[in-house]
Protein backbone atom coordinates (compact mmCIF):
# COMPACT_ATOMS: atom_id res chain seq x y z
CA MET A 1 -107.38 105.80 90.75
CA PRO A 2 -110.75 107.51 90.35
CA ARG A 3 -112.71 108.18 93.51
CA SER A 4 -115.14 105.48 94.50
CA ASP A 5 -117.73 108.13 95.49
CA GLN A 6 -117.62 109.67 92.03
CA PRO A 7 -121.02 109.99 90.32
CA GLY A 8 -121.37 108.16 87.02
CA ARG A 9 -118.84 105.95 85.36
CA ILE A 10 -115.98 106.77 83.04
CA ASP A 11 -116.33 105.00 79.68
CA ALA A 12 -112.59 104.47 79.19
CA VAL A 13 -109.25 105.51 80.67
CA ILE A 14 -105.89 105.02 78.98
CA ARG A 15 -102.82 105.46 81.17
CA THR A 16 -99.34 105.90 79.72
CA SER A 17 -96.11 106.90 81.41
CA ASP A 18 -96.81 110.59 80.62
CA HIS A 19 -100.58 110.92 80.20
CA ILE A 20 -103.98 109.88 81.48
CA CYS A 21 -106.67 110.04 78.79
CA ILE A 22 -110.29 110.04 79.96
CA PHE A 23 -112.83 109.13 77.29
CA GLU A 24 -116.59 109.60 77.19
CA PHE A 25 -118.48 108.15 74.20
CA LYS A 26 -121.88 109.23 72.92
CA LEU A 27 -123.98 107.42 70.33
CA ASN A 28 -125.99 109.96 68.32
CA GLY A 29 -124.99 112.62 70.84
CA SER A 30 -122.40 115.29 70.33
CA ALA A 31 -118.75 115.48 71.27
CA ASP A 32 -119.69 118.60 73.25
CA ASP A 33 -122.24 116.54 75.23
CA ALA A 34 -119.56 113.96 75.97
CA MET A 35 -117.10 116.64 77.11
CA ALA A 36 -119.77 118.28 79.27
CA GLN A 37 -120.41 114.95 81.02
CA ILE A 38 -116.70 114.50 81.75
CA LYS A 39 -116.63 117.94 83.36
CA ASP A 40 -120.04 117.85 85.07
CA LYS A 41 -119.32 114.52 86.72
CA GLN A 42 -115.73 115.55 87.50
CA TYR A 43 -114.19 112.41 86.05
CA ALA A 44 -110.70 113.96 86.18
CA ALA A 45 -110.93 114.72 89.91
CA GLY A 46 -109.70 111.26 90.85
CA TYR A 47 -106.43 111.99 89.05
CA ARG A 48 -105.65 115.41 90.60
CA ASP A 49 -102.70 114.09 92.60
CA ASP A 50 -101.25 112.18 89.67
CA PRO A 51 -98.27 113.98 88.08
CA ARG A 52 -99.21 112.87 84.57
CA GLN A 53 -100.97 115.21 82.12
CA VAL A 54 -104.72 114.52 82.07
CA ILE A 55 -106.38 114.68 78.66
CA LEU A 56 -110.17 114.72 78.29
CA VAL A 57 -111.65 113.23 75.12
CA GLY A 58 -115.32 113.52 74.18
CA VAL A 59 -116.29 111.28 71.26
CA ALA A 60 -119.52 111.14 69.28
CA PHE A 61 -120.33 108.09 67.17
CA ASP A 62 -122.44 108.51 64.05
CA TRP A 63 -124.94 105.65 63.89
CA GLU A 64 -125.76 106.12 60.20
CA ASP A 65 -122.14 106.25 59.06
CA ARG A 66 -121.10 103.65 61.65
CA ASN A 67 -118.00 105.64 62.38
CA LEU A 68 -116.68 108.42 64.58
CA GLY A 69 -118.73 111.52 63.93
CA ALA A 70 -116.76 114.06 65.92
CA TRP A 71 -114.40 114.37 68.85
CA ARG A 72 -113.21 117.07 71.18
CA ILE A 73 -109.94 117.02 73.11
CA GLU A 74 -108.94 119.22 76.06
CA ARG A 75 -105.98 119.18 78.36
CA ASN A 76 -107.00 119.38 81.98
């Protein structure tokens, strides 16, 4: 589980038997901004002791297209 003293709030977490995917979504921001927030606020820190692979996903929504604009994925 994420730490309760963690700054900020994770937008979404998907847990499978092999992976933990941490998502941050930005509307009219960039996927890089979303990834930077995941790292700056140390969202993955609460999963350090978990044996599953942690995957960080920064997603930018495009308001005009009303769709995903860009995404960035990193393995932690």
